[in-house]
Amino acid sequence: MFIPFDNDARQKYFQILNKVFDSGVLSNGKTLREFENKFSSFVGIESKAVSNGGVALLSILDYIDVRNKEVIVPSNTFWATILAIKKAGGKVVYSDCNKEDLCLSFEDMKQRITPETKAVVVVHIGGHIAFEIEKITEYCKKNNIYLIEDCAHAHGASFKGKSAGSWGFAGAYSFYATKTMTTGEGGIVVSKNQDFLNWLEEYRNYGGKIIDGKVTYPVLDGFNYRMNEITAALGIIQLERLPEILDWKNNLAIKFSQIFKNRIKFPNEMTSGYYKYIVFGYNLKEETGKVYDYNDLGHVIDKINIDLPNTSWISKHHVCAPIYHGWINACKPIAELEKYLIK
């Protein structure tokens, strides 16, 4: 697969790597701090980097302690979201999504709330913010339920000026190889809660903290979830490139909007990062993988018999037109694109 990482970006990356090697520090050093600070500025909320997006979710769930408590999550998500809840000791409660945005349904979520509900995980599917995020946020605040945002698809997404991860208690981003912003592997946690972020610095480092020159372990369930300096260096370059990548995707999306009438249509003041371009009822000559197919759904993998009609419908009726950065046909005029894509 072609990786669109041009010579200019490579040279900038190598320059940062030279600084890393000259520093003699390959983990938990200045480059990591620089990446975290720059990402914080980009999303408008403080962040801490970790080894992957799954760990980003797990850290939030471990901190709020969901052991033996219910966590509501849409079945229409990647299995990693569910695994994080299970690893943290939570009880997974599957909920339906909306057809309009493929994200968590507010009405269905409310029906699944019980006195045992500790948290709700909203997943910003496909690169856009969940359309009902305001309702979900308000409900969770009123009912003292933690709201966690899975932002694995949502690099560059915003709604009414707020980025993904800034609505709830915390958000988890992924930098896996397929993401709009990738470091191959990696993740980052964003939150306004300083106590949590301070705890996370220890949690990701085996729970350790140096006090008066001695290593102590105040967080007993920590582990090695650090992001190394080499990955952080790539993160700095990829973050610098992200606005250009988002512009590229948005320009292609403008063309697609003239071709696909049956598509996800965003509300006013919403900006998508276009991890996917989701359409309904089309037979495409070329497509990327579905967001999630029926066999990818959480309740299907878990072999739980539950009626989630919108989730099932979505899995069978959507397809995704290619919108990954570097797609070779993106430069075609609209008429040629339509002829190329639609059978």
C-alpha atoms as a PDB file:
ATOM      1  CA  MET A   1       0.000   0.000   0.000  1.00  0.00           C
ATOM      2  CA  PHE A   2       1.248   3.493  -0.874  1.00  0.00           C
ATOM      3  CA  ILE A   3       2.047   5.632   2.182  1.00  0.00           C
ATOM      4  CA  PRO A   4       1.762   9.370   1.351  1.00  0.00           C
ATOM      5  CA  PHE A   5       4.720  10.604   3.383  1.00  0.00           C
ATOM      6  CA  ASP A   6       6.764  12.835   1.088  1.00  0.00           C
ATOM      7  CA  ASN A   7      10.454  13.636   1.197  1.00  0.00           C
ATOM      8  CA  ASP A   8       9.919  16.967   2.971  1.00  0.00           C
ATOM      9  CA  ALA A   9       8.038  15.246   5.796  1.00  0.00           C
ATOM     10  CA  ARG A  10      10.696  12.537   5.996  1.00  0.00           C
ATOM     11  CA  GLN A  11      13.520  15.062   6.268  1.00  0.00           C
ATOM     12  CA  LYS A  12      11.695  16.908   9.062  1.00  0.00           C
ATOM     13  CA  TYR A  13      11.171  13.590  10.847  1.00  0.00           C
ATOM     14  CA  PHE A  14      14.845  12.671  10.514  1.00  0.00           C
ATOM     15  CA  GLN A  15      15.834  16.064  11.964  1.00  0.00           C
ATOM     16  CA  ILE A  16      13.745  15.405  15.071  1.00  0.00           C
ATOM     17  CA  LEU A  17      15.151  11.871  15.330  1.00  0.00           C
ATOM     18  CA  ASN A  18      18.672  13.290  15.327  1.00  0.00           C
ATOM     19  CA  LYS A  19      17.719  15.423  18.336  1.00  0.00           C
ATOM     20  CA  VAL A  20      16.244  12.360  20.052  1.00  0.00           C
ATOM     21  CA  PHE A  21      19.401  10.295  19.531  1.00  0.00           C
ATOM     22  CA  ASP A  22      21.632  13.195  20.592  1.00  0.00           C
ATOM     23  CA  SER A  23      19.585  13.578  23.782  1.00  0.00           C
ATOM     24  CA  GLY A  24      20.343  10.037  24.892  1.00  0.00           C
ATOM     25  CA  VAL A  25      16.685   9.624  25.941  1.00  0.00           C
ATOM     26  CA  LEU A  26      14.497   7.214  23.970  1.00  0.00           C
ATOM     27  CA  SER A  27      11.453   7.119  26.246  1.00  0.00           C
ATOM     28  CA  ASN A  28       9.523   9.597  28.391  1.00  0.00           C
ATOM     29  CA  GLY A  29      11.565  12.583  27.304  1.00  0.00           C
ATOM     30  CA  LYS A  30      11.296  16.058  25.810  1.00  0.00           C
ATOM     31  CA  THR A  31       9.947  14.884  22.452  1.00  0.00           C
ATOM     32  CA  LEU A  32       6.969  13.225  24.115  1.00  0.00           C
ATOM     33  CA  ARG A  33       6.226  16.418  26.066  1.00  0.00           C
ATOM     34  CA  GLU A  34       6.491  18.491  22.892  1.00  0.00           C
ATOM     35  CA  PHE A  35       4.070  16.197  21.064  1.00  0.00           C
ATOM     36  CA  GLU A  36       1.598  16.274  23.955  1.00  0.00           C
ATOM     37  CA  ASN A  37       1.732  20.072  24.151  1.00  0.00           C
ATOM     38  CA  LYS A  38       1.180  20.473  20.423  1.00  0.00           C
ATOM     39  CA  PHE A  39      -1.699  18.004  20.347  1.00  0.00           C
ATOM     40  CA  SER A  40      -3.256  19.769  23.343  1.00  0.00           C
ATOM     41  CA  SER A  41      -3.102  23.044  21.440  1.00  0.00           C
ATOM     42  CA  PHE A  42      -4.668  21.433  18.369  1.00  0.00           C
ATOM     43  CA  VAL A  43      -7.695  19.994  20.181  1.00  0.00           C
ATOM     44  CA  GLY A  44      -7.979  22.720  22.831  1.00  0.00           C
ATOM     45  CA  ILE A  45      -7.726  20.351  25.790  1.00  0.00           C
ATOM     46  CA  GLU A  46      -4.800  18.840  27.710  1.00  0.00           C
ATOM     47  CA  SER A  47      -3.522  15.466  26.576  1.00  0.00           C
ATOM     48  CA  LYS A  48      -1.266  12.574  27.604  1.00  0.00           C
ATOM     49  CA  ALA A  49       0.112  10.101  25.058  1.00  0.00           C
ATOM     50  CA  VAL A  50       0.075   6.320  25.496  1.00  0.00           C
ATOM     51  CA  SER A  51       1.090   3.251  23.513  1.00  0.00           C
ATOM     52  CA  ASN A  52      -2.192   2.762  21.622  1.00  0.00           C
ATOM     53  CA  GLY A  53      -5.841   3.779  21.415  1.00  0.00           C
ATOM     54  CA  GLY A  54      -7.088   0.733  23.289  1.00  0.00           C
ATOM     55  CA  VAL A  55      -4.916   1.639  26.270  1.00  0.00           C
ATOM     56  CA  ALA A  56      -6.200   5.204  26.031  1.00  0.00           C
ATOM     57  CA  LEU A  57      -9.724   3.889  26.640  1.00  0.00           C
ATOM     58  CA  LEU A  58      -8.589   1.397  29.270  1.00  0.00           C
ATOM     59  CA  SER A  59      -6.827   4.097  31.284  1.00  0.00           C
ATOM     60  CA  ILE A  60     -10.020   6.160  31.547  1.00  0.00           C
ATOM     61  CA  LEU A  61     -12.097   3.143  32.560  1.00  0.00           C
ATOM     62  CA  ASP A  62      -9.516   2.031  35.139  1.00  0.00           C
ATOM     63  CA  TYR A  63      -9.374   5.508  36.666  1.00  0.00           C
ATOM     64  CA  ILE A  64     -13.124   5.876  37.136  1.00  0.00           C
ATOM     65  CA  ASP A  65     -13.239   2.220  38.318  1.00  0.00           C
ATOM     66  CA  VAL A  66     -15.992   0.429  36.434  1.00  0.00           C
ATOM     67  CA  ARG A  67     -15.408  -2.914  38.142  1.00  0.00           C
ATOM     68  CA  ASN A  68     -18.722  -4.785  38.417  1.00  0.00           C
ATOM     69  CA  LYS A  69     -20.545  -1.714  37.112  1.00  0.00           C
ATOM     70  CA  GLU A  70     -22.474  -1.299  33.873  1.00  0.00           C
ATOM     71  CA  VAL A  71     -20.989   0.597  30.948  1.00  0.00           C
ATOM     72  CA  ILE A  72     -23.285   1.447  28.049  1.00  0.00           C
ATOM     73  CA  VAL A  73     -21.654   1.271  24.626  1.00  0.00           C
ATOM     74  CA  PRO A  74     -22.951   1.126  21.057  1.00  0.00           C
ATOM     75  CA  SER A  75     -22.654  -2.304  19.477  1.00  0.00           C
ATOM     76  CA  ASN A  76     -21.634  -0.481  16.288  1.00  0.00           C
ATOM     77  CA  THR A  77     -17.991   0.020  17.259  1.00  0.00           C
ATOM     78  CA  PHE A  78     -14.647  -1.705  16.945  1.00  0.00           C
ATOM     79  CA  TRP A  79     -14.179  -4.664  19.276  1.00  0.00           C
ATOM     80  CA  ALA A  80     -11.360  -2.807  21.089  1.00  0.00           C
ATOM     81  CA  THR A  81     -13.939  -0.529  22.741  1.00  0.00           C
ATOM     82  CA  ILE A  82     -15.691  -3.523  24.274  1.00  0.00           C
ATOM     83  CA  LEU A  83     -12.425  -5.232  25.214  1.00  0.00           C
ATOM     84  CA  ALA A  84     -11.318  -2.148  27.146  1.00  0.00           C
ATOM     85  CA  ILE A  85     -14.531  -2.232  29.204  1.00  0.00           C
ATOM     86  CA  LYS A  86     -14.090  -5.945  29.914  1.00  0.00           C
ATOM     87  CA  LYS A  87     -10.408  -5.573  30.823  1.00  0.00           C
ATOM     88  CA  ALA A  88     -11.369  -2.810  33.262  1.00  0.00           C
ATOM     89  CA  GLY A  89     -13.863  -5.200  34.898  1.00  0.00           C
ATOM     90  CA  GLY A  90     -17.011  -3.489  33.638  1.00  0.00           C
ATOM     91  CA  LYS A  91     -20.269  -5.073  32.536  1.00  0.00           C
ATOM     92  CA  VAL A  92     -20.930  -4.298  28.872  1.00  0.00           C
ATOM     93  CA  VAL A  93     -24.448  -3.063  28.047  1.00  0.00           C
ATOM     94  CA  TYR A  94     -25.014  -2.815  24.303  1.00  0.00           C
ATOM     95  CA  SER A  95     -27.075   0.018  22.882  1.00  0.00           C
ATOM     96  CA  ASP A  96     -28.459   0.893  19.447  1.00  0.00           C
ATOM     97  CA  CYS A  97     -27.227   3.611  17.096  1.00  0.00           C
ATOM     98  CA  ASN A  98     -29.000   6.148  14.895  1.00  0.00           C
ATOM     99  CA  LYS A  99     -29.368   5.701  11.153  1.00  0.00           C
ATOM    100  CA  GLU A 100     -28.583   9.394  10.636  1.00  0.00           C
ATOM    101  CA  ASP A 101     -25.030   9.317  12.038  1.00  0.00           C
ATOM    102  CA  LEU A 102     -24.254   5.660  12.973  1.00  0.00           C
ATOM    103  CA  CYS A 103     -23.534   6.878  16.527  1.00  0.00           C
ATOM    104  CA  LEU A 104     -25.091   6.115  19.902  1.00  0.00           C
ATOM    105  CA  SER A 105     -28.865   6.653  20.067  1.00  0.00           C
ATOM    106  CA  PHE A 106     -29.829   8.960  22.933  1.00  0.00           C
ATOM    107  CA  GLU A 107     -33.313   7.463  23.288  1.00  0.00           C
ATOM    108  CA  ASP A 108     -32.056   3.875  23.284  1.00  0.00           C
ATOM    109  CA  MET A 109     -29.276   4.777  25.722  1.00  0.00           C
ATOM    110  CA  LYS A 110     -31.799   6.207  28.209  1.00  0.00           C
ATOM    111  CA  GLN A 111     -33.781   2.974  28.177  1.00  0.00           C
ATOM    112  CA  ARG A 112     -30.687   1.033  29.246  1.00  0.00           C
ATOM    113  CA  ILE A 113     -29.718   3.226  32.213  1.00  0.00           C
ATOM    114  CA  THR A 114     -29.991   1.479  35.598  1.00  0.00           C
ATOM    115  CA  PRO A 115     -28.741   2.276  39.125  1.00  0.00           C
ATOM    116  CA  GLU A 116     -25.671   0.194  38.200  1.00  0.00           C
ATOM    117  CA  THR A 117     -24.693   2.393  35.238  1.00  0.00           C
ATOM    118  CA  LYS A 118     -21.267   3.925  35.892  1.00  0.00           C
ATOM    119  CA  ALA A 119     -20.377   5.201  32.423  1.00  0.00           C
ATOM    120  CA  VAL A 120     -21.501   5.742  28.856  1.00  0.00           C
ATOM    121  CA  VAL A 121     -19.082   5.409  25.945  1.00  0.00           C
ATOM    122  CA  VAL A 122     -20.023   7.439  22.873  1.00  0.00           C
ATOM    123  CA  VAL A 123     -18.122   6.520  19.712  1.00  0.00           C
ATOM    124  CA  HIS A 124     -17.634   9.224  17.080  1.00  0.00           C
ATOM    125  CA  ILE A 125     -18.051   6.907  14.109  1.00  0.00           C
ATOM    126  CA  GLY A 126     -16.546   7.649  10.704  1.00  0.00           C
ATOM    127  CA  GLY A 127     -14.820  10.907  11.622  1.00  0.00           C
ATOM    128  CA  HIS A 128     -17.706  13.100  12.815  1.00  0.00           C
ATOM    129  CA  ILE A 129     -19.028  13.982  16.265  1.00  0.00           C
ATOM    130  CA  ALA A 130     -22.124  12.050  17.378  1.00  0.00           C
ATOM    131  CA  PHE A 131     -25.104  14.183  16.377  1.00  0.00           C
ATOM    132  CA  GLU A 132     -26.768  13.813  19.803  1.00  0.00           C
ATOM    133  CA  ILE A 133     -23.644  14.576  21.830  1.00  0.00           C
ATOM    134  CA  GLU A 134     -25.233  17.608  23.510  1.00  0.00           C
ATOM    135  CA  LYS A 135     -28.228  15.603  24.762  1.00  0.00           C
ATOM    136  CA  ILE A 136     -26.021  12.737  25.890  1.00  0.00           C
ATOM    137  CA  THR A 137     -23.632  15.104  27.691  1.00  0.00           C
ATOM    138  CA  GLU A 138     -26.439  16.909  29.521  1.00  0.00           C
ATOM    139  CA  TYR A 139     -28.125  13.657  30.559  1.00  0.00           C
ATOM    140  CA  CYS A 140     -24.910  12.134  31.895  1.00  0.00           C
ATOM    141  CA  LYS A 141     -24.109  15.277  33.913  1.00  0.00           C
ATOM    142  CA  LYS A 142     -27.575  15.380  35.474  1.00  0.00           C
ATOM    143  CA  ASN A 143     -27.404  11.702  36.411  1.00  0.00           C
ATOM    144  CA  ASN A 144     -23.785  11.600  37.626  1.00  0.00           C
ATOM    145  CA  ILE A 145     -22.730   9.188  34.890  1.00  0.00           C
ATOM    146  CA  TYR A 146     -19.243   9.379  33.408  1.00  0.00           C
ATOM    147  CA  LEU A 147     -19.241  10.172  29.693  1.00  0.00           C
ATOM    148  CA  ILE A 148     -16.272   8.758  27.790  1.00  0.00           C
ATOM    149  CA  GLU A 149     -15.588   9.576  24.145  1.00  0.00           C
ATOM    150  CA  ASP A 150     -14.013   7.092  21.747  1.00  0.00           C
ATOM    151  CA  CYS A 151     -12.325   9.476  19.303  1.00  0.00           C
ATOM    152  CA  ALA A 152     -10.391   6.855  17.319  1.00  0.00           C
ATOM    153  CA  HIS A 153     -11.962   8.088  14.049  1.00  0.00           C
ATOM    154  CA  ALA A 154     -12.368  11.754  14.927  1.00  0.00           C
ATOM    155  CA  HIS A 155      -9.060  13.536  14.287  1.00  0.00           C
ATOM    156  CA  GLY A 156      -9.971  17.063  13.229  1.00  0.00           C
ATOM    157  CA  ALA A 157     -13.679  16.696  13.994  1.00  0.00           C
ATOM    158  CA  SER A 158     -15.573  19.423  15.821  1.00  0.00           C
ATOM    159  CA  PHE A 159     -19.090  20.555  16.642  1.00  0.00           C
ATOM    160  CA  LYS A 160     -19.945  24.124  17.624  1.00  0.00           C
ATOM    161  CA  GLY A 161     -16.257  24.834  18.061  1.00  0.00           C
ATOM    162  CA  LYS A 162     -15.574  21.896  20.404  1.00  0.00           C
ATOM    163  CA  SER A 163     -13.288  19.054  19.393  1.00  0.00           C
ATOM    164  CA  ALA A 164     -13.869  15.356  19.929  1.00  0.00           C
ATOM    165  CA  GLY A 165     -12.973  14.425  23.488  1.00  0.00           C
ATOM    166  CA  SER A 166     -13.948  17.757  25.039  1.00  0.00           C
ATOM    167  CA  TRP A 167     -17.603  16.940  25.792  1.00  0.00           C
ATOM    168  CA  GLY A 168     -17.287  14.257  28.460  1.00  0.00           C
ATOM    169  CA  PHE A 169     -14.927  13.322  31.280  1.00  0.00           C
ATOM    170  CA  ALA A 170     -12.217  12.204  28.852  1.00  0.00           C
ATOM    171  CA  GLY A 171     -11.618  11.111  25.286  1.00  0.00           C
ATOM    172  CA  ALA A 172      -9.369   8.509  23.666  1.00  0.00           C
ATOM    173  CA  TYR A 173      -7.688   8.954  20.277  1.00  0.00           C
ATOM    174  CA  SER A 174      -5.916   6.275  18.247  1.00  0.00           C
ATOM    175  CA  PHE A 175      -2.936   6.722  15.926  1.00  0.00           C
ATOM    176  CA  TYR A 176      -3.143   3.231  14.430  1.00  0.00           C
ATOM    177  CA  ALA A 177      -1.895   2.684  10.869  1.00  0.00           C
ATOM    178  CA  THR A 178      -5.279   3.251   9.193  1.00  0.00           C
ATOM    179  CA  LYS A 179      -6.168   6.485  10.974  1.00  0.00           C
ATOM    180  CA  THR A 180      -6.288   9.951   9.420  1.00  0.00           C
ATOM    181  CA  MET A 181      -3.370  10.837  11.672  1.00  0.00           C
ATOM    182  CA  THR A 182      -1.135   7.831  12.193  1.00  0.00           C
ATOM    183  CA  THR A 183       2.101   6.990  13.969  1.00  0.00           C
ATOM    184  CA  GLY A 184       1.771   3.296  13.096  1.00  0.00           C
ATOM    185  CA  GLU A 185       0.790   2.543  16.667  1.00  0.00           C
ATOM    186  CA  GLY A 186      -0.039   4.972  19.445  1.00  0.00           C
ATOM    187  CA  GLY A 187      -2.818   6.784  21.249  1.00  0.00           C
ATOM    188  CA  ILE A 188      -3.546   9.857  23.312  1.00  0.00           C
ATOM    189  CA  VAL A 189      -5.969  10.718  26.110  1.00  0.00           C
ATOM    190  CA  VAL A 190      -7.580  14.145  26.438  1.00  0.00           C
ATOM    191  CA  SER A 191      -9.335  15.483  29.523  1.00  0.00           C
ATOM    192  CA  LYS A 192     -10.039  18.605  31.548  1.00  0.00           C
ATOM    193  CA  ASN A 193      -9.588  16.671  34.794  1.00  0.00           C
ATOM    194  CA  GLN A 194      -6.090  17.416  36.069  1.00  0.00           C
ATOM    195  CA  ASP A 195      -6.189  14.791  38.826  1.00  0.00           C
ATOM    196  CA  PHE A 196      -6.852  12.116  36.202  1.00  0.00           C
ATOM    197  CA  LEU A 197      -4.066  13.361  33.937  1.00  0.00           C
ATOM    198  CA  ASN A 198      -1.586  13.391  36.832  1.00  0.00           C
ATOM    199  CA  TRP A 199      -2.632   9.835  37.706  1.00  0.00           C
ATOM    200  CA  LEU A 200      -2.249   8.804  34.061  1.00  0.00           C
ATOM    201  CA  GLU A 201       1.406   9.877  33.990  1.00  0.00           C
ATOM    202  CA  GLU A 202       2.053   7.323  36.748  1.00  0.00           C
ATOM    203  CA  TYR A 203      -0.361   4.679  35.406  1.00  0.00           C
ATOM    204  CA  ARG A 204       1.388   4.537  31.997  1.00  0.00           C
ATOM    205  CA  ASN A 205       4.789   4.105  33.705  1.00  0.00           C
ATOM    206  CA  TYR A 206       4.112   0.917  35.714  1.00  0.00           C
ATOM    207  CA  GLY A 207       2.345   3.091  38.283  1.00  0.00           C
ATOM    208  CA  GLY A 208       5.658   4.596  39.296  1.00  0.00           C
ATOM    209  CA  LYS A 209       6.607   8.037  40.535  1.00  0.00           C
ATOM    210  CA  ILE A 210       9.984   9.399  41.633  1.00  0.00           C
ATOM    211  CA  ILE A 211       9.816  11.069  45.050  1.00  0.00           C
ATOM    212  CA  ASP A 212      12.997  12.494  46.616  1.00  0.00           C
ATOM    213  CA  GLY A 213      15.091  10.561  44.114  1.00  0.00           C
ATOM    214  CA  LYS A 214      13.429   7.241  44.890  1.00  0.00           C
ATOM    215  CA  VAL A 215      11.004   5.260  42.742  1.00  0.00           C
ATOM    216  CA  THR A 216       7.659   4.671  44.422  1.00  0.00           C
ATOM    217  CA  TYR A 217       4.509   2.977  43.091  1.00  0.00           C
ATOM    218  CA  PRO A 218       1.408   4.939  44.122  1.00  0.00           C
ATOM    219  CA  VAL A 219      -0.707   3.425  41.290  1.00  0.00           C
ATOM    220  CA  LEU A 220      -0.755  -0.320  41.889  1.00  0.00           C
ATOM    221  CA  ASP A 221      -2.601  -1.307  38.706  1.00  0.00           C
ATOM    222  CA  GLY A 222      -0.331   0.578  36.310  1.00  0.00           C
ATOM    223  CA  PHE A 223       1.714  -0.993  33.532  1.00  0.00           C
ATOM    224  CA  ASN A 224       4.022  -0.035  30.662  1.00  0.00           C
ATOM    225  CA  TYR A 225       1.718   1.989  28.431  1.00  0.00           C
ATOM    226  CA  ARG A 226       4.285   4.633  27.466  1.00  0.00           C
ATOM    227  CA  MET A 227       4.750   6.199  24.044  1.00  0.00           C
ATOM    228  CA  ASN A 228       8.430   6.234  23.109  1.00  0.00           C
ATOM    229  CA  GLU A 229      10.363   9.234  21.780  1.00  0.00           C
ATOM    230  CA  ILE A 230      10.633   7.869  18.229  1.00  0.00           C
ATOM    231  CA  THR A 231       6.862   7.488  17.942  1.00  0.00           C
ATOM    232  CA  ALA A 232       6.333  10.906  19.518  1.00  0.00           C
ATOM    233  CA  ALA A 233       8.694  12.422  16.937  1.00  0.00           C
ATOM    234  CA  LEU A 234       6.554  10.985  14.148  1.00  0.00           C
ATOM    235  CA  GLY A 235       3.487  12.310  15.959  1.00  0.00           C
ATOM    236  CA  ILE A 236       4.886  15.854  15.802  1.00  0.00           C
ATOM    237  CA  ILE A 237       5.335  15.589  12.034  1.00  0.00           C
ATOM    238  CA  GLN A 238       1.961  13.955  11.442  1.00  0.00           C
ATOM    239  CA  LEU A 239       0.192  16.588  13.538  1.00  0.00           C
ATOM    240  CA  GLU A 240       1.915  19.282  11.490  1.00  0.00           C
ATOM    241  CA  ARG A 241       0.614  17.582   8.322  1.00  0.00           C
ATOM    242  CA  LEU A 242      -2.899  16.978   9.666  1.00  0.00           C
ATOM    243  CA  PRO A 243      -4.503  20.270   8.500  1.00  0.00           C
ATOM    244  CA  GLU A 244      -3.253  19.600   4.968  1.00  0.00           C
ATOM    245  CA  ILE A 245      -4.608  16.041   5.090  1.00  0.00           C
ATOM    246  CA  LEU A 246      -7.964  17.257   6.397  1.00  0.00           C
ATOM    247  CA  ASP A 247      -8.180  19.863   3.629  1.00  0.00           C
ATOM    248  CA  TRP A 248      -7.437  17.147   1.064  1.00  0.00           C
ATOM    249  CA  LYS A 249     -10.213  14.968   2.455  1.00  0.00           C
ATOM    250  CA  ASN A 250     -12.687  17.838   2.621  1.00  0.00           C
ATOM    251  CA  ASN A 251     -12.031  18.796  -0.994  1.00  0.00           C
ATOM    252  CA  LEU A 252     -12.741  15.227  -2.073  1.00  0.00           C
ATOM    253  CA  ALA A 253     -15.856  15.166   0.128  1.00  0.00           C
ATOM    254  CA  ILE A 254     -17.149  18.270  -1.690  1.00  0.00           C
ATOM    255  CA  LYS A 255     -16.896  16.354  -4.957  1.00  0.00           C
ATOM    256  CA  PHE A 256     -18.578  13.299  -3.446  1.00  0.00           C
ATOM    257  CA  SER A 257     -21.480  15.443  -2.203  1.00  0.00           C
ATOM    258  CA  GLN A 258     -22.329  16.101  -5.872  1.00  0.00           C
ATOM    259  CA  ILE A 259     -22.363  12.363  -6.602  1.00  0.00           C
ATOM    260  CA  PHE A 260     -23.942  10.739  -3.534  1.00  0.00           C
ATOM    261  CA  LYS A 261     -27.330  12.072  -2.459  1.00  0.00           C
ATOM    262  CA  ASN A 262     -27.908   9.265   0.048  1.00  0.00           C
ATOM    263  CA  ARG A 263     -25.122   9.987   2.489  1.00  0.00           C
ATOM    264  CA  ILE A 264     -24.581  11.121   6.051  1.00  0.00           C
ATOM    265  CA  LYS A 265     -25.536  14.800   6.170  1.00  0.00           C
ATOM    266  CA  PHE A 266     -24.021  16.855   8.966  1.00  0.00           C
ATOM    267  CA  PRO A 267     -25.855  19.424  11.090  1.00  0.00           C
ATOM    268  CA  ASN A 268     -24.833  23.069  11.044  1.00  0.00           C
ATOM    269  CA  GLU A 269     -21.558  23.904  12.804  1.00  0.00           C
ATOM    270  CA  MET A 270     -20.215  20.351  12.466  1.00  0.00           C
ATOM    271  CA  THR A 271     -16.888  19.569  10.818  1.00  0.00           C
ATOM    272  CA  SER A 272     -15.935  15.996   9.990  1.00  0.00           C
ATOM    273  CA  GLY A 273     -12.449  14.563   9.881  1.00  0.00           C
ATOM    274  CA  TYR A 274     -13.723  12.179   7.174  1.00  0.00           C
ATOM    275  CA  TYR A 275     -12.125   8.977   8.385  1.00  0.00           C
ATOM    276  CA  LYS A 276     -14.832   7.401   6.212  1.00  0.00           C
ATOM    277  CA  TYR A 277     -17.242   8.704   3.576  1.00  0.00           C
ATOM    278  CA  ILE A 278     -20.462   6.832   4.362  1.00  0.00           C
ATOM    279  CA  VAL A 279     -23.234   6.385   1.777  1.00  0.00           C
ATOM    280  CA  PHE A 280     -26.369   4.257   1.571  1.00  0.00           C
ATOM    281  CA  GLY A 281     -27.845   2.096  -1.190  1.00  0.00           C
ATOM    282  CA  TYR A 282     -25.007   2.336  -3.711  1.00  0.00           C
ATOM    283  CA  ASN A 283     -23.156  -0.432  -5.523  1.00  0.00           C
ATOM    284  CA  LEU A 284     -19.592   0.827  -5.870  1.00  0.00           C
ATOM    285  CA  LYS A 285     -16.857  -0.405  -8.163  1.00  0.00           C
ATOM    286  CA  GLU A 286     -14.267   0.609  -5.578  1.00  0.00           C
ATOM    287  CA  GLU A 287     -14.866   1.048  -1.875  1.00  0.00           C
ATOM    288  CA  THR A 288     -13.016   0.916   1.403  1.00  0.00           C
ATOM    289  CA  GLY A 289     -14.160  -1.441   4.133  1.00  0.00           C
ATOM    290  CA  LYS A 290     -17.470  -0.810   5.802  1.00  0.00           C
ATOM    291  CA  VAL A 291     -17.253   1.079   9.060  1.00  0.00           C
ATOM    292  CA  TYR A 292     -18.507  -2.124  10.660  1.00  0.00           C
ATOM    293  CA  ASP A 293     -20.084  -5.125   8.995  1.00  0.00           C
ATOM    294  CA  TYR A 294     -22.665  -7.295  10.756  1.00  0.00           C
ATOM    295  CA  ASN A 295     -20.089  -9.808  11.983  1.00  0.00           C
ATOM    296  CA  ASP A 296     -18.015  -6.946  13.450  1.00  0.00           C
ATOM    297  CA  LEU A 297     -20.784  -5.774  15.784  1.00  0.00           C
ATOM    298  CA  GLY A 298     -20.108  -6.169  19.495  1.00  0.00           C
ATOM    299  CA  HIS A 299     -23.253  -8.089  20.391  1.00  0.00           C
ATOM    300  CA  VAL A 300     -22.708 -10.454  17.443  1.00  0.00           C
ATOM    301  CA  ILE A 301     -19.116 -11.228  18.472  1.00  0.00           C
ATOM    302  CA  ASP A 302     -20.320 -11.615  22.066  1.00  0.00           C
ATOM    303  CA  LYS A 303     -23.126 -13.949  20.912  1.00  0.00           C
ATOM    304  CA  ILE A 304     -25.736 -11.898  22.771  1.00  0.00           C
ATOM    305  CA  ASN A 305     -29.307 -12.079  21.486  1.00  0.00           C
ATOM    306  CA  ILE A 306     -30.471  -8.459  21.561  1.00  0.00           C
ATOM    307  CA  ASP A 307     -32.640  -6.433  19.200  1.00  0.00           C
ATOM    308  CA  LEU A 308     -30.715  -3.435  17.864  1.00  0.00           C
ATOM    309  CA  PRO A 309     -32.629  -2.670  14.662  1.00  0.00           C
ATOM    310  CA  ASN A 310     -30.748   0.435  13.533  1.00  0.00           C
ATOM    311  CA  THR A 311     -27.379  -1.184  14.158  1.00  0.00           C
ATOM    312  CA  SER A 312     -28.336  -4.237  12.107  1.00  0.00           C
ATOM    313  CA  TRP A 313     -29.783  -2.114   9.296  1.00  0.00           C
ATOM    314  CA  ILE A 314     -26.718   0.113   9.094  1.00  0.00           C
ATOM    315  CA  SER A 315     -24.339  -2.850   8.904  1.00  0.00           C
ATOM    316  CA  LYS A 316     -26.157  -4.204   5.864  1.00  0.00           C
ATOM    317  CA  HIS A 317     -26.971  -1.014   3.927  1.00  0.00           C
ATOM    318  CA  HIS A 318     -23.970   1.305   4.060  1.00  0.00           C
ATOM    319  CA  VAL A 319     -20.776   1.372   2.007  1.00  0.00           C
ATOM    320  CA  CYS A 320     -17.782   3.680   2.115  1.00  0.00           C
ATOM    321  CA  ALA A 321     -16.387   5.539  -0.876  1.00  0.00           C
ATOM    322  CA  PRO A 322     -12.577   5.874  -0.858  1.00  0.00           C
ATOM    323  CA  ILE A 323     -11.474   8.985   1.016  1.00  0.00           C
ATOM    324  CA  TYR A 324      -8.142   7.869   2.448  1.00  0.00           C
ATOM    325  CA  HIS A 325      -5.338  10.371   1.982  1.00  0.00           C
ATOM    326  CA  GLY A 326      -3.415   9.712  -1.209  1.00  0.00           C
ATOM    327  CA  TRP A 327      -6.207   7.917  -3.078  1.00  0.00           C
ATOM    328  CA  ILE A 328      -4.958   8.059  -6.642  1.00  0.00           C
ATOM    329  CA  ASN A 329      -8.306   8.935  -8.243  1.00  0.00           C
ATOM    330  CA  ALA A 330      -9.113  11.922  -6.025  1.00  0.00           C
ATOM    331  CA  CYS A 331      -7.962  14.399  -8.666  1.00  0.00           C
ATOM    332  CA  LYS A 332     -10.548  13.261 -11.236  1.00  0.00           C
ATOM    333  CA  PRO A 333     -13.379  15.662 -12.152  1.00  0.00           C
ATOM    334  CA  ILE A 334     -16.792  14.961 -10.619  1.00  0.00           C
ATOM    335  CA  ALA A 335     -18.257  13.383 -13.753  1.00  0.00           C
ATOM    336  CA  GLU A 336     -15.303  11.015 -14.117  1.00  0.00           C
ATOM    337  CA  LEU A 337     -15.427  10.104 -10.450  1.00  0.00           C
ATOM    338  CA  GLU A 338     -19.102   9.245 -10.701  1.00  0.00           C
ATOM    339  CA  LYS A 339     -18.528   7.052 -13.749  1.00  0.00           C
ATOM    340  CA  TYR A 340     -15.527   5.413 -12.085  1.00  0.00           C
ATOM    341  CA  LEU A 341     -17.231   4.652  -8.777  1.00  0.00           C
ATOM    342  CA  ILE A 342     -20.889   3.808  -9.420  1.00  0.00           C
ATOM    343  CA  LYS A 343     -21.863   0.584 -11.149  1.00  0.00           C
END
